[in-house]
Amino acid sequence: MKRLLRASATACAGLALCFGTAQAADGPTLTRVRDTGVIVIGYRPASLPFSYLDAQLRPTGYTVELCDRVVAAVREKLQLPDLEVRRVEVASATRMPLVINGTLDMECGITTHTAERARSQAFSLTIFVAESRLLTRTARRVQRLSDLRGQLVASTIGTTSIQHLAKVNDEQALGIRILGGLDDPEGFQLLRSGRAAAFLMDDVLLRALLAQQGPGADDYRISDTAMTVEPYAIGLRKGDPQFKALVDEVLAGLYHSGEIHAIYRRWFESPLPSQGLNLKLPMSAAFRRVIANPTDSPDPERYR
């Protein structure tokens, strides 16, 4: 009997060790997802074509589709066919805090990977490369922030664009008065209403905003000069290399197979589902280089 008890205890200890090893191998995110049967995804409600609500108020878009591919891989890896996907609406100001505090497993919107941000959260491979530019009325010929000395300029709070605007304004003593919109449509409205002389934001987002204006888009001009380079990535919890490896493996697979080109065409060169808008935006040379040689670098020079 004593021998049986000792054998049973040894077996239980072995099982516990094996279970602990499996948890360590999966990392905290996958372990929590397995234990709860839920994966939590952050989305933006009005950031065409990356993340927005369709006619049935369901999150959709380019980044959402990429995240859905990751969810499929998680289902397969953990053998959880009934895995629940919980979607949480985020804004520019809330997206990163919700990743950092563990509320979100993935932030699937429009977030630039920077070295500063990487100190508090992790990022996937780069999924898009944008450049920030100035949007002004067509009658104005504005190319640089220095052309707006002493004027009101809008951007969106919690973005790299408004950070760049504040930095250049301070360094060059431009005397620009900065207005912040809670989201990109609100920032654009500051320009439309005449409160701001210009709106600084990423070029792809400016094109999406203008596409929604119909004939009124001709009233605006996007600057030829780019202010910054913006490598977008999926936001992830810091300190979980196992989950990042899984996300990156999914993205790299789409890049290497060439499937990313069909996905890109669906969201940037075709009418958007439930919107009918077509950005007609060819893939940039910078993103083509990322597809050929995937990277998660936050260094803007890596994309020039």
C-alpha atoms as a PDB file:
ATOM      1  CA  MET A   1       0.000   0.000   0.000  1.00  0.00           C
ATOM      2  CA  LYS A   2       2.794   2.433   0.902  1.00  0.00           C
ATOM      3  CA  ARG A   3       4.492   1.636  -2.384  1.00  0.00           C
ATOM      4  CA  LEU A   4       1.236   2.405  -4.244  1.00  0.00           C
ATOM      5  CA  LEU A   5       0.838   5.723  -2.431  1.00  0.00           C
ATOM      6  CA  ARG A   6       4.421   6.675  -3.181  1.00  0.00           C
ATOM      7  CA  ALA A   7       3.962   5.738  -6.840  1.00  0.00           C
ATOM      8  CA  SER A   8       0.727   7.736  -7.002  1.00  0.00           C
ATOM      9  CA  ALA A   9       2.386  10.775  -5.427  1.00  0.00           C
ATOM     10  CA  THR A  10       5.308  10.511  -7.822  1.00  0.00           C
ATOM     11  CA  ALA A  11       2.935  10.316 -10.808  1.00  0.00           C
ATOM     12  CA  CYS A  12       0.960  13.347  -9.588  1.00  0.00           C
ATOM     13  CA  ALA A  13       4.181  15.287  -9.102  1.00  0.00           C
ATOM     14  CA  GLY A  14       5.220  14.333 -12.600  1.00  0.00           C
ATOM     15  CA  LEU A  15       1.881  15.470 -14.020  1.00  0.00           C
ATOM     16  CA  ALA A  16       2.120  18.767 -12.157  1.00  0.00           C
ATOM     17  CA  LEU A  17       5.633  19.263 -13.470  1.00  0.00           C
ATOM     18  CA  CYS A  18       4.510  18.468 -17.002  1.00  0.00           C
ATOM     19  CA  PHE A  19       1.543  20.840 -16.675  1.00  0.00           C
ATOM     20  CA  GLY A  20       3.763  23.605 -15.340  1.00  0.00           C
ATOM     21  CA  THR A  21       6.223  23.026 -18.166  1.00  0.00           C
ATOM     22  CA  ALA A  22       3.391  23.249 -20.708  1.00  0.00           C
ATOM     23  CA  GLN A  23       2.234  26.541 -19.172  1.00  0.00           C
ATOM     24  CA  ALA A  24       5.764  27.930 -19.285  1.00  0.00           C
ATOM     25  CA  ALA A  25       6.114  26.835 -22.908  1.00  0.00           C
ATOM     26  CA  ASP A  26       2.864  28.562 -23.863  1.00  0.00           C
ATOM     27  CA  GLY A  27       3.542  31.795 -21.997  1.00  0.00           C
ATOM     28  CA  PRO A  28       1.035  33.887 -20.022  1.00  0.00           C
ATOM     29  CA  THR A  29      -1.304  34.889 -22.866  1.00  0.00           C
ATOM     30  CA  LEU A  30      -1.920  31.428 -24.300  1.00  0.00           C
ATOM     31  CA  THR A  31      -2.148  29.951 -20.801  1.00  0.00           C
ATOM     32  CA  ARG A  32      -4.838  32.447 -19.832  1.00  0.00           C
ATOM     33  CA  VAL A  33      -6.686  31.904 -23.126  1.00  0.00           C
ATOM     34  CA  ARG A  34      -6.657  28.128 -22.552  1.00  0.00           C
ATOM     35  CA  ASP A  35      -7.870  28.517 -18.976  1.00  0.00           C
ATOM     36  CA  THR A  36     -10.686  30.970 -19.765  1.00  0.00           C
ATOM     37  CA  GLY A  37     -11.638  29.945 -23.296  1.00  0.00           C
ATOM     38  CA  VAL A  38     -11.613  33.644 -24.254  1.00  0.00           C
ATOM     39  CA  ILE A  39      -9.270  35.813 -26.321  1.00  0.00           C
ATOM     40  CA  VAL A  40      -9.707  39.605 -26.118  1.00  0.00           C
ATOM     41  CA  ILE A  41      -9.209  41.807 -29.172  1.00  0.00           C
ATOM     42  CA  GLY A  42      -9.141  45.603 -29.293  1.00  0.00           C
ATOM     43  CA  TYR A  43     -10.624  47.348 -32.326  1.00  0.00           C
ATOM     44  CA  ARG A  44     -11.176  50.905 -33.556  1.00  0.00           C
ATOM     45  CA  PRO A  45     -14.766  51.788 -34.582  1.00  0.00           C
ATOM     46  CA  ALA A  46     -14.002  54.321 -37.337  1.00  0.00           C
ATOM     47  CA  SER A  47     -10.458  53.864 -38.679  1.00  0.00           C
ATOM     48  CA  LEU A  48     -11.044  52.794 -42.270  1.00  0.00           C
ATOM     49  CA  PRO A  49      -9.747  50.583 -43.766  1.00  0.00           C
ATOM     50  CA  PHE A  50      -7.842  49.094 -40.836  1.00  0.00           C
ATOM     51  CA  SER A  51     -10.579  48.728 -38.233  1.00  0.00           C
ATOM     52  CA  TYR A  52     -14.183  49.913 -38.383  1.00  0.00           C
ATOM     53  CA  LEU A  53     -17.755  48.746 -37.880  1.00  0.00           C
ATOM     54  CA  ASP A  54     -19.655  47.240 -40.790  1.00  0.00           C
ATOM     55  CA  ALA A  55     -23.380  47.631 -41.489  1.00  0.00           C
ATOM     56  CA  GLN A  56     -24.167  45.040 -38.790  1.00  0.00           C
ATOM     57  CA  LEU A  57     -21.892  46.904 -36.318  1.00  0.00           C
ATOM     58  CA  ARG A  58     -19.300  44.137 -36.393  1.00  0.00           C
ATOM     59  CA  PRO A  59     -15.578  45.039 -36.316  1.00  0.00           C
ATOM     60  CA  THR A  60     -13.960  44.552 -39.705  1.00  0.00           C
ATOM     61  CA  GLY A  61     -10.981  45.827 -41.674  1.00  0.00           C
ATOM     62  CA  TYR A  62      -7.421  45.024 -42.704  1.00  0.00           C
ATOM     63  CA  THR A  63      -5.916  44.745 -39.213  1.00  0.00           C
ATOM     64  CA  VAL A  64      -9.000  42.966 -37.906  1.00  0.00           C
ATOM     65  CA  GLU A  65      -8.622  40.346 -40.641  1.00  0.00           C
ATOM     66  CA  LEU A  66      -4.955  39.817 -39.755  1.00  0.00           C
ATOM     67  CA  CYS A  67      -5.895  39.384 -36.093  1.00  0.00           C
ATOM     68  CA  ASP A  68      -8.639  36.943 -37.050  1.00  0.00           C
ATOM     69  CA  ARG A  69      -5.964  34.840 -38.769  1.00  0.00           C
ATOM     70  CA  VAL A  70      -4.049  34.801 -35.482  1.00  0.00           C
ATOM     71  CA  VAL A  71      -7.201  33.769 -33.602  1.00  0.00           C
ATOM     72  CA  ALA A  72      -7.601  30.825 -36.009  1.00  0.00           C
ATOM     73  CA  ALA A  73      -4.026  29.778 -35.249  1.00  0.00           C
ATOM     74  CA  VAL A  74      -4.691  30.021 -31.503  1.00  0.00           C
ATOM     75  CA  ARG A  75      -7.814  27.842 -31.867  1.00  0.00           C
ATOM     76  CA  GLU A  76      -5.753  25.206 -33.665  1.00  0.00           C
ATOM     77  CA  LYS A  77      -2.765  25.338 -31.318  1.00  0.00           C
ATOM     78  CA  LEU A  78      -4.854  25.097 -28.147  1.00  0.00           C
ATOM     79  CA  GLN A  79      -7.467  22.799 -29.715  1.00  0.00           C
ATOM     80  CA  LEU A  80     -10.261  25.160 -28.706  1.00  0.00           C
ATOM     81  CA  PRO A  81     -12.797  25.119 -31.577  1.00  0.00           C
ATOM     82  CA  ASP A  82     -15.291  27.035 -29.408  1.00  0.00           C
ATOM     83  CA  LEU A  83     -12.806  29.762 -28.413  1.00  0.00           C
ATOM     84  CA  GLU A  84     -14.742  32.952 -27.641  1.00  0.00           C
ATOM     85  CA  VAL A  85     -13.482  36.167 -29.256  1.00  0.00           C
ATOM     86  CA  ARG A  86     -14.308  39.140 -27.071  1.00  0.00           C
ATOM     87  CA  ARG A  87     -13.961  42.465 -28.924  1.00  0.00           C
ATOM     88  CA  VAL A  88     -13.336  45.692 -27.008  1.00  0.00           C
ATOM     89  CA  GLU A  89     -13.648  49.153 -28.572  1.00  0.00           C
ATOM     90  CA  VAL A  90     -10.548  51.317 -28.095  1.00  0.00           C
ATOM     91  CA  ALA A  91      -9.526  54.873 -28.971  1.00  0.00           C
ATOM     92  CA  SER A  92      -6.165  56.549 -29.549  1.00  0.00           C
ATOM     93  CA  ALA A  93      -5.880  57.399 -25.862  1.00  0.00           C
ATOM     94  CA  THR A  94      -7.004  54.011 -24.475  1.00  0.00           C
ATOM     95  CA  ARG A  95      -5.544  51.398 -26.848  1.00  0.00           C
ATOM     96  CA  MET A  96      -2.032  51.168 -25.361  1.00  0.00           C
ATOM     97  CA  PRO A  97      -3.021  51.335 -21.671  1.00  0.00           C
ATOM     98  CA  LEU A  98      -5.435  48.441 -22.272  1.00  0.00           C
ATOM     99  CA  VAL A  99      -2.611  46.367 -23.755  1.00  0.00           C
ATOM    100  CA  ILE A 100      -0.193  47.293 -20.984  1.00  0.00           C
ATOM    101  CA  ASN A 101      -2.600  46.428 -18.156  1.00  0.00           C
ATOM    102  CA  GLY A 102      -3.462  43.073 -19.729  1.00  0.00           C
ATOM    103  CA  THR A 103      -7.058  43.812 -20.725  1.00  0.00           C
ATOM    104  CA  LEU A 104      -6.298  43.146 -24.404  1.00  0.00           C
ATOM    105  CA  ASP A 105      -4.467  40.175 -25.873  1.00  0.00           C
ATOM    106  CA  MET A 106      -4.095  41.980 -29.220  1.00  0.00           C
ATOM    107  CA  GLU A 107      -4.731  45.579 -30.248  1.00  0.00           C
ATOM    108  CA  CYS A 108      -5.950  45.392 -33.823  1.00  0.00           C
ATOM    109  CA  GLY A 109      -6.274  48.942 -35.048  1.00  0.00           C
ATOM    110  CA  ILE A 110      -3.700  51.484 -36.200  1.00  0.00           C
ATOM    111  CA  THR A 111      -0.711  51.787 -33.909  1.00  0.00           C
ATOM    112  CA  THR A 112       2.797  52.861 -34.849  1.00  0.00           C
ATOM    113  CA  HIS A 113       5.620  50.812 -33.384  1.00  0.00           C
ATOM    114  CA  THR A 114       8.147  53.168 -31.789  1.00  0.00           C
ATOM    115  CA  ALA A 115      11.132  52.507 -29.552  1.00  0.00           C
ATOM    116  CA  GLU A 116       9.518  54.560 -26.794  1.00  0.00           C
ATOM    117  CA  ARG A 117       6.284  52.567 -26.899  1.00  0.00           C
ATOM    118  CA  ALA A 118       8.212  49.289 -26.996  1.00  0.00           C
ATOM    119  CA  ARG A 119       9.453  49.992 -23.481  1.00  0.00           C
ATOM    120  CA  SER A 120       5.980  49.254 -22.121  1.00  0.00           C
ATOM    121  CA  GLN A 121       4.416  46.871 -24.657  1.00  0.00           C
ATOM    122  CA  ALA A 122       5.404  44.515 -27.461  1.00  0.00           C
ATOM    123  CA  PHE A 123       4.624  44.668 -31.178  1.00  0.00           C
ATOM    124  CA  SER A 124       4.201  42.160 -33.987  1.00  0.00           C
ATOM    125  CA  LEU A 125       5.977  42.219 -37.306  1.00  0.00           C
ATOM    126  CA  THR A 126       5.202  45.400 -39.223  1.00  0.00           C
ATOM    127  CA  ILE A 127       1.841  45.119 -41.026  1.00  0.00           C
ATOM    128  CA  PHE A 128       1.781  48.464 -42.898  1.00  0.00           C
ATOM    129  CA  VAL A 129       4.036  51.465 -43.494  1.00  0.00           C
ATOM    130  CA  ALA A 130       2.482  54.946 -43.517  1.00  0.00           C
ATOM    131  CA  GLU A 131       3.864  58.489 -43.557  1.00  0.00           C
ATOM    132  CA  SER A 132       2.402  61.461 -41.733  1.00  0.00           C
ATOM    133  CA  ARG A 133       1.457  64.452 -43.888  1.00  0.00           C
ATOM    134  CA  LEU A 134      -0.435  67.719 -43.645  1.00  0.00           C
ATOM    135  CA  LEU A 135      -3.998  68.108 -44.881  1.00  0.00           C
ATOM    136  CA  THR A 136      -5.073  71.647 -45.793  1.00  0.00           C
ATOM    137  CA  ARG A 137      -7.607  73.442 -47.944  1.00  0.00           C
ATOM    138  CA  THR A 138      -6.809  73.176 -51.647  1.00  0.00           C
ATOM    139  CA  ALA A 139      -6.316  76.927 -51.949  1.00  0.00           C
ATOM    140  CA  ARG A 140      -3.363  76.766 -49.576  1.00  0.00           C
ATOM    141  CA  ARG A 141       0.053  75.476 -50.599  1.00  0.00           C
ATOM    142  CA  VAL A 142       1.391  74.078 -47.347  1.00  0.00           C
ATOM    143  CA  GLN A 143       4.188  71.510 -47.380  1.00  0.00           C
ATOM    144  CA  ARG A 144       5.880  71.858 -44.015  1.00  0.00           C
ATOM    145  CA  LEU A 145       4.999  72.762 -40.458  1.00  0.00           C
ATOM    146  CA  SER A 146       7.149  75.868 -40.832  1.00  0.00           C
ATOM    147  CA  ASP A 147       4.559  77.115 -43.369  1.00  0.00           C
ATOM    148  CA  LEU A 148       2.039  77.231 -40.502  1.00  0.00           C
ATOM    149  CA  ARG A 149       3.949  79.459 -38.098  1.00  0.00           C
ATOM    150  CA  GLY A 150       1.659  81.039 -35.499  1.00  0.00           C
ATOM    151  CA  GLN A 151      -1.464  79.222 -36.718  1.00  0.00           C
ATOM    152  CA  LEU A 152      -3.823  76.605 -35.300  1.00  0.00           C
ATOM    153  CA  VAL A 153      -2.959  73.034 -36.360  1.00  0.00           C
ATOM    154  CA  ALA A 154      -4.975  69.940 -35.459  1.00  0.00           C
ATOM    155  CA  SER A 155      -3.966  66.340 -34.878  1.00  0.00           C
ATOM    156  CA  THR A 156      -5.316  63.397 -32.872  1.00  0.00           C
ATOM    157  CA  ILE A 157      -4.517  62.916 -29.206  1.00  0.00           C
ATOM    158  CA  GLY A 158      -2.455  59.882 -28.222  1.00  0.00           C
ATOM    159  CA  THR A 159      -0.770  59.624 -31.644  1.00  0.00           C
ATOM    160  CA  THR A 160       2.788  59.927 -32.897  1.00  0.00           C
ATOM    161  CA  SER A 161       1.568  62.721 -35.188  1.00  0.00           C
ATOM    162  CA  ILE A 162       0.598  65.042 -32.345  1.00  0.00           C
ATOM    163  CA  GLN A 163       3.845  64.177 -30.557  1.00  0.00           C
ATOM    164  CA  HIS A 164       5.824  65.115 -33.668  1.00  0.00           C
ATOM    165  CA  LEU A 165       3.804  68.308 -34.050  1.00  0.00           C
ATOM    166  CA  ALA A 166       4.574  69.347 -30.467  1.00  0.00           C
ATOM    167  CA  LYS A 167       8.261  68.472 -30.810  1.00  0.00           C
ATOM    168  CA  VAL A 168       8.829  70.416 -34.041  1.00  0.00           C
ATOM    169  CA  ASN A 169       6.774  73.333 -32.777  1.00  0.00           C
ATOM    170  CA  ASP A 170       8.988  73.545 -29.709  1.00  0.00           C
ATOM    171  CA  GLU A 171      12.314  72.954 -31.485  1.00  0.00           C
ATOM    172  CA  GLN A 172      11.649  75.511 -34.227  1.00  0.00           C
ATOM    173  CA  ALA A 173       9.726  77.966 -32.022  1.00  0.00           C
ATOM    174  CA  LEU A 174       6.915  78.063 -34.580  1.00  0.00           C
ATOM    175  CA  GLY A 175       4.292  79.397 -32.210  1.00  0.00           C
ATOM    176  CA  ILE A 176       1.755  76.881 -33.517  1.00  0.00           C
ATOM    177  CA  ARG A 177      -1.299  76.403 -31.321  1.00  0.00           C
ATOM    178  CA  ILE A 178      -2.138  72.705 -31.231  1.00  0.00           C
ATOM    179  CA  LEU A 179      -5.713  71.391 -31.252  1.00  0.00           C
ATOM    180  CA  GLY A 180      -6.332  67.729 -30.412  1.00  0.00           C
ATOM    181  CA  GLY A 181      -9.210  65.635 -31.677  1.00  0.00           C
ATOM    182  CA  LEU A 182     -10.328  62.581 -29.710  1.00  0.00           C
ATOM    183  CA  ASP A 183     -10.158  60.579 -32.940  1.00  0.00           C
ATOM    184  CA  ASP A 184      -9.238  61.201 -36.567  1.00  0.00           C
ATOM    185  CA  PRO A 185     -12.746  62.233 -37.736  1.00  0.00           C
ATOM    186  CA  GLU A 186     -12.895  64.801 -34.935  1.00  0.00           C
ATOM    187  CA  GLY A 187      -9.415  66.082 -35.804  1.00  0.00           C
ATOM    188  CA  PHE A 188     -10.461  66.427 -39.443  1.00  0.00           C
ATOM    189  CA  GLN A 189     -13.611  68.261 -38.355  1.00  0.00           C
ATOM    190  CA  LEU A 190     -11.401  70.917 -36.746  1.00  0.00           C
ATOM    191  CA  LEU A 191     -10.034  71.627 -40.240  1.00  0.00           C
ATOM    192  CA  ARG A 192     -13.427  71.392 -41.967  1.00  0.00           C
ATOM    193  CA  SER A 193     -14.990  73.862 -39.553  1.00  0.00           C
ATOM    194  CA  GLY A 194     -12.208  76.383 -40.100  1.00  0.00           C
ATOM    195  CA  ARG A 195     -10.938  76.196 -36.521  1.00  0.00           C
ATOM    196  CA  ALA A 196      -7.604  74.755 -37.698  1.00  0.00           C
ATOM    197  CA  ALA A 197      -5.482  75.702 -40.697  1.00  0.00           C
ATOM    198  CA  ALA A 198      -4.219  72.138 -41.150  1.00  0.00           C
ATOM    199  CA  PHE A 199      -4.625  68.588 -39.879  1.00  0.00           C
ATOM    200  CA  LEU A 200      -1.517  66.438 -39.368  1.00  0.00           C
ATOM    201  CA  MET A 201      -2.078  62.687 -39.626  1.00  0.00           C
ATOM    202  CA  ASP A 202      -0.900  59.555 -41.441  1.00  0.00           C
ATOM    203  CA  ASP A 203      -1.408  59.724 -45.193  1.00  0.00           C
ATOM    204  CA  VAL A 204      -3.466  56.524 -45.486  1.00  0.00           C
ATOM    205  CA  LEU A 205      -5.876  57.783 -42.825  1.00  0.00           C
ATOM    206  CA  LEU A 206      -6.159  61.150 -44.564  1.00  0.00           C
ATOM    207  CA  ARG A 207      -7.010  59.383 -47.815  1.00  0.00           C
ATOM    208  CA  ALA A 208      -9.693  57.356 -46.023  1.00  0.00           C
ATOM    209  CA  LEU A 209     -11.208  60.502 -44.520  1.00  0.00           C
ATOM    210  CA  LEU A 210     -11.259  62.247 -47.892  1.00  0.00           C
ATOM    211  CA  ALA A 211     -12.781  59.209 -49.595  1.00  0.00           C
ATOM    212  CA  GLN A 212     -15.768  59.634 -47.286  1.00  0.00           C
ATOM    213  CA  GLN A 213     -16.274  63.261 -48.427  1.00  0.00           C
ATOM    214  CA  GLY A 214     -17.352  62.425 -51.971  1.00  0.00           C
ATOM    215  CA  PRO A 215     -16.969  65.433 -54.328  1.00  0.00           C
ATOM    216  CA  GLY A 216     -16.013  67.528 -51.301  1.00  0.00           C
ATOM    217  CA  ALA A 217     -12.632  65.770 -51.241  1.00  0.00           C
ATOM    218  CA  ASP A 218     -11.466  68.166 -53.977  1.00  0.00           C
ATOM    219  CA  ASP A 219     -11.573  70.963 -51.414  1.00  0.00           C
ATOM    220  CA  TYR A 220      -8.530  69.502 -49.638  1.00  0.00           C
ATOM    221  CA  ARG A 221      -4.887  68.825 -50.434  1.00  0.00           C
ATOM    222  CA  ILE A 222      -2.463  66.337 -48.857  1.00  0.00           C
ATOM    223  CA  SER A 223       1.096  67.632 -48.681  1.00  0.00           C
ATOM    224  CA  ASP A 224       3.699  66.097 -50.964  1.00  0.00           C
ATOM    225  CA  THR A 225       6.217  66.297 -48.148  1.00  0.00           C
ATOM    226  CA  ALA A 226       6.124  63.551 -45.525  1.00  0.00           C
ATOM    227  CA  MET A 227       6.844  64.465 -41.910  1.00  0.00           C
ATOM    228  CA  THR A 228       7.509  61.020 -40.415  1.00  0.00           C
ATOM    229  CA  VAL A 229       7.565  57.313 -41.280  1.00  0.00           C
ATOM    230  CA  GLU A 230       5.025  55.199 -39.366  1.00  0.00           C
ATOM    231  CA  PRO A 231       5.462  51.391 -39.191  1.00  0.00           C
ATOM    232  CA  TYR A 232       2.146  49.942 -38.003  1.00  0.00           C
ATOM    233  CA  ALA A 233       1.996  46.743 -35.955  1.00  0.00           C
ATOM    234  CA  ILE A 234      -0.366  44.685 -33.809  1.00  0.00           C
ATOM    235  CA  GLY A 235      -0.031  45.661 -30.159  1.00  0.00           C
ATOM    236  CA  LEU A 236       0.842  42.839 -27.740  1.00  0.00           C
ATOM    237  CA  ARG A 237       1.519  42.383 -24.050  1.00  0.00           C
ATOM    238  CA  LYS A 238       5.165  42.829 -23.076  1.00  0.00           C
ATOM    239  CA  GLY A 239       7.083  39.889 -21.635  1.00  0.00           C
ATOM    240  CA  ASP A 240       5.345  37.146 -23.610  1.00  0.00           C
ATOM    241  CA  PRO A 241       7.715  36.050 -26.393  1.00  0.00           C
ATOM    242  CA  GLN A 242       5.728  32.850 -26.961  1.00  0.00           C
ATOM    243  CA  PHE A 243       2.586  34.675 -28.021  1.00  0.00           C
ATOM    244  CA  LYS A 244       4.535  37.203 -30.095  1.00  0.00           C
ATOM    245  CA  ALA A 245       6.239  34.288 -31.857  1.00  0.00           C
ATOM    246  CA  LEU A 246       2.848  32.798 -32.743  1.00  0.00           C
ATOM    247  CA  VAL A 247       1.513  36.146 -34.038  1.00  0.00           C
ATOM    248  CA  ASP A 248       4.672  36.737 -36.066  1.00  0.00           C
ATOM    249  CA  GLU A 249       4.568  33.221 -37.467  1.00  0.00           C
ATOM    250  CA  VAL A 250       1.038  33.814 -38.777  1.00  0.00           C
ATOM    251  CA  LEU A 251       1.991  37.145 -40.376  1.00  0.00           C
ATOM    252  CA  ALA A 252       5.240  35.808 -41.852  1.00  0.00           C
ATOM    253  CA  GLY A 253       3.279  32.908 -43.329  1.00  0.00           C
ATOM    254  CA  LEU A 254       0.942  35.349 -45.092  1.00  0.00           C
ATOM    255  CA  TYR A 255       3.952  37.290 -46.387  1.00  0.00           C
ATOM    256  CA  HIS A 256       5.929  34.288 -47.595  1.00  0.00           C
ATOM    257  CA  SER A 257       2.919  32.649 -49.268  1.00  0.00           C
ATOM    258  CA  GLY A 258       1.986  35.874 -51.039  1.00  0.00           C
ATOM    259  CA  GLU A 259      -1.541  35.752 -49.575  1.00  0.00           C
ATOM    260  CA  ILE A 260      -0.954  39.188 -48.059  1.00  0.00           C
ATOM    261  CA  HIS A 261      -1.281  40.703 -51.547  1.00  0.00           C
ATOM    262  CA  ALA A 262      -4.883  39.495 -51.907  1.00  0.00           C
ATOM    263  CA  ILE A 263      -5.662  40.732 -48.393  1.00  0.00           C
ATOM    264  CA  TYR A 264      -4.113  44.103 -49.197  1.00  0.00           C
ATOM    265  CA  ARG A 265      -6.094  44.447 -52.433  1.00  0.00           C
ATOM    266  CA  ARG A 266      -9.325  43.671 -50.571  1.00  0.00           C
ATOM    267  CA  TRP A 267      -8.879  46.599 -48.175  1.00  0.00           C
ATOM    268  CA  PHE A 268      -6.860  49.177 -50.096  1.00  0.00           C
ATOM    269  CA  GLU A 269      -7.633  48.671 -53.790  1.00  0.00           C
ATOM    270  CA  SER A 270     -11.259  47.464 -53.774  1.00  0.00           C
ATOM    271  CA  PRO A 271     -14.598  48.853 -52.544  1.00  0.00           C
ATOM    272  CA  LEU A 272     -14.686  48.474 -48.778  1.00  0.00           C
ATOM    273  CA  PRO A 273     -17.349  46.127 -47.393  1.00  0.00           C
ATOM    274  CA  SER A 274     -20.457  48.047 -46.236  1.00  0.00           C
ATOM    275  CA  GLN A 275     -18.819  51.326 -47.289  1.00  0.00           C
ATOM    276  CA  GLY A 276     -18.426  51.166 -51.057  1.00  0.00           C
ATOM    277  CA  LEU A 277     -15.365  53.411 -50.829  1.00  0.00           C
ATOM    278  CA  ASN A 278     -12.217  52.501 -52.730  1.00  0.00           C
ATOM    279  CA  LEU A 279      -8.971  54.084 -51.556  1.00  0.00           C
ATOM    280  CA  LYS A 280      -7.195  52.958 -54.745  1.00  0.00           C
ATOM    281  CA  LEU A 281      -3.956  52.897 -52.793  1.00  0.00           C
ATOM    282  CA  PRO A 282      -1.220  50.715 -54.338  1.00  0.00           C
ATOM    283  CA  MET A 283       1.114  48.928 -51.964  1.00  0.00           C
ATOM    284  CA  SER A 284       4.114  51.085 -51.085  1.00  0.00           C
ATOM    285  CA  ALA A 285       7.674  50.099 -51.880  1.00  0.00           C
ATOM    286  CA  ALA A 286       8.417  50.221 -48.149  1.00  0.00           C
ATOM    287  CA  PHE A 287       5.775  47.617 -47.329  1.00  0.00           C
ATOM    288  CA  ARG A 288       6.853  45.453 -50.258  1.00  0.00           C
ATOM    289  CA  ARG A 289      10.308  45.364 -48.684  1.00  0.00           C
ATOM    290  CA  VAL A 290       8.761  44.310 -45.375  1.00  0.00           C
ATOM    291  CA  ILE A 291       6.924  41.456 -47.079  1.00  0.00           C
ATOM    292  CA  ALA A 292      10.142  40.293 -48.728  1.00  0.00           C
ATOM    293  CA  ASN A 293      12.111  40.610 -45.479  1.00  0.00           C
ATOM    294  CA  PRO A 294       9.739  40.696 -42.489  1.00  0.00           C
ATOM    295  CA  THR A 295      10.827  42.958 -39.651  1.00  0.00           C
ATOM    296  CA  ASP A 296       9.520  44.260 -36.354  1.00  0.00           C
ATOM    297  CA  SER A 297      11.914  47.195 -36.244  1.00  0.00           C
ATOM    298  CA  PRO A 298      10.646  50.494 -34.782  1.00  0.00           C
ATOM    299  CA  ASP A 299      13.433  52.412 -36.568  1.00  0.00           C
ATOM    300  CA  PRO A 300      11.928  54.688 -39.278  1.00  0.00           C
ATOM    301  CA  GLU A 301      15.185  54.507 -41.245  1.00  0.00           C
ATOM    302  CA  ARG A 302      14.615  50.790 -41.706  1.00  0.00           C
ATOM    303  CA  TYR A 303      11.680  51.640 -43.975  1.00  0.00           C
ATOM    304  CA  ARG A 304      13.091  54.494 -46.041  1.00  0.00           C
END
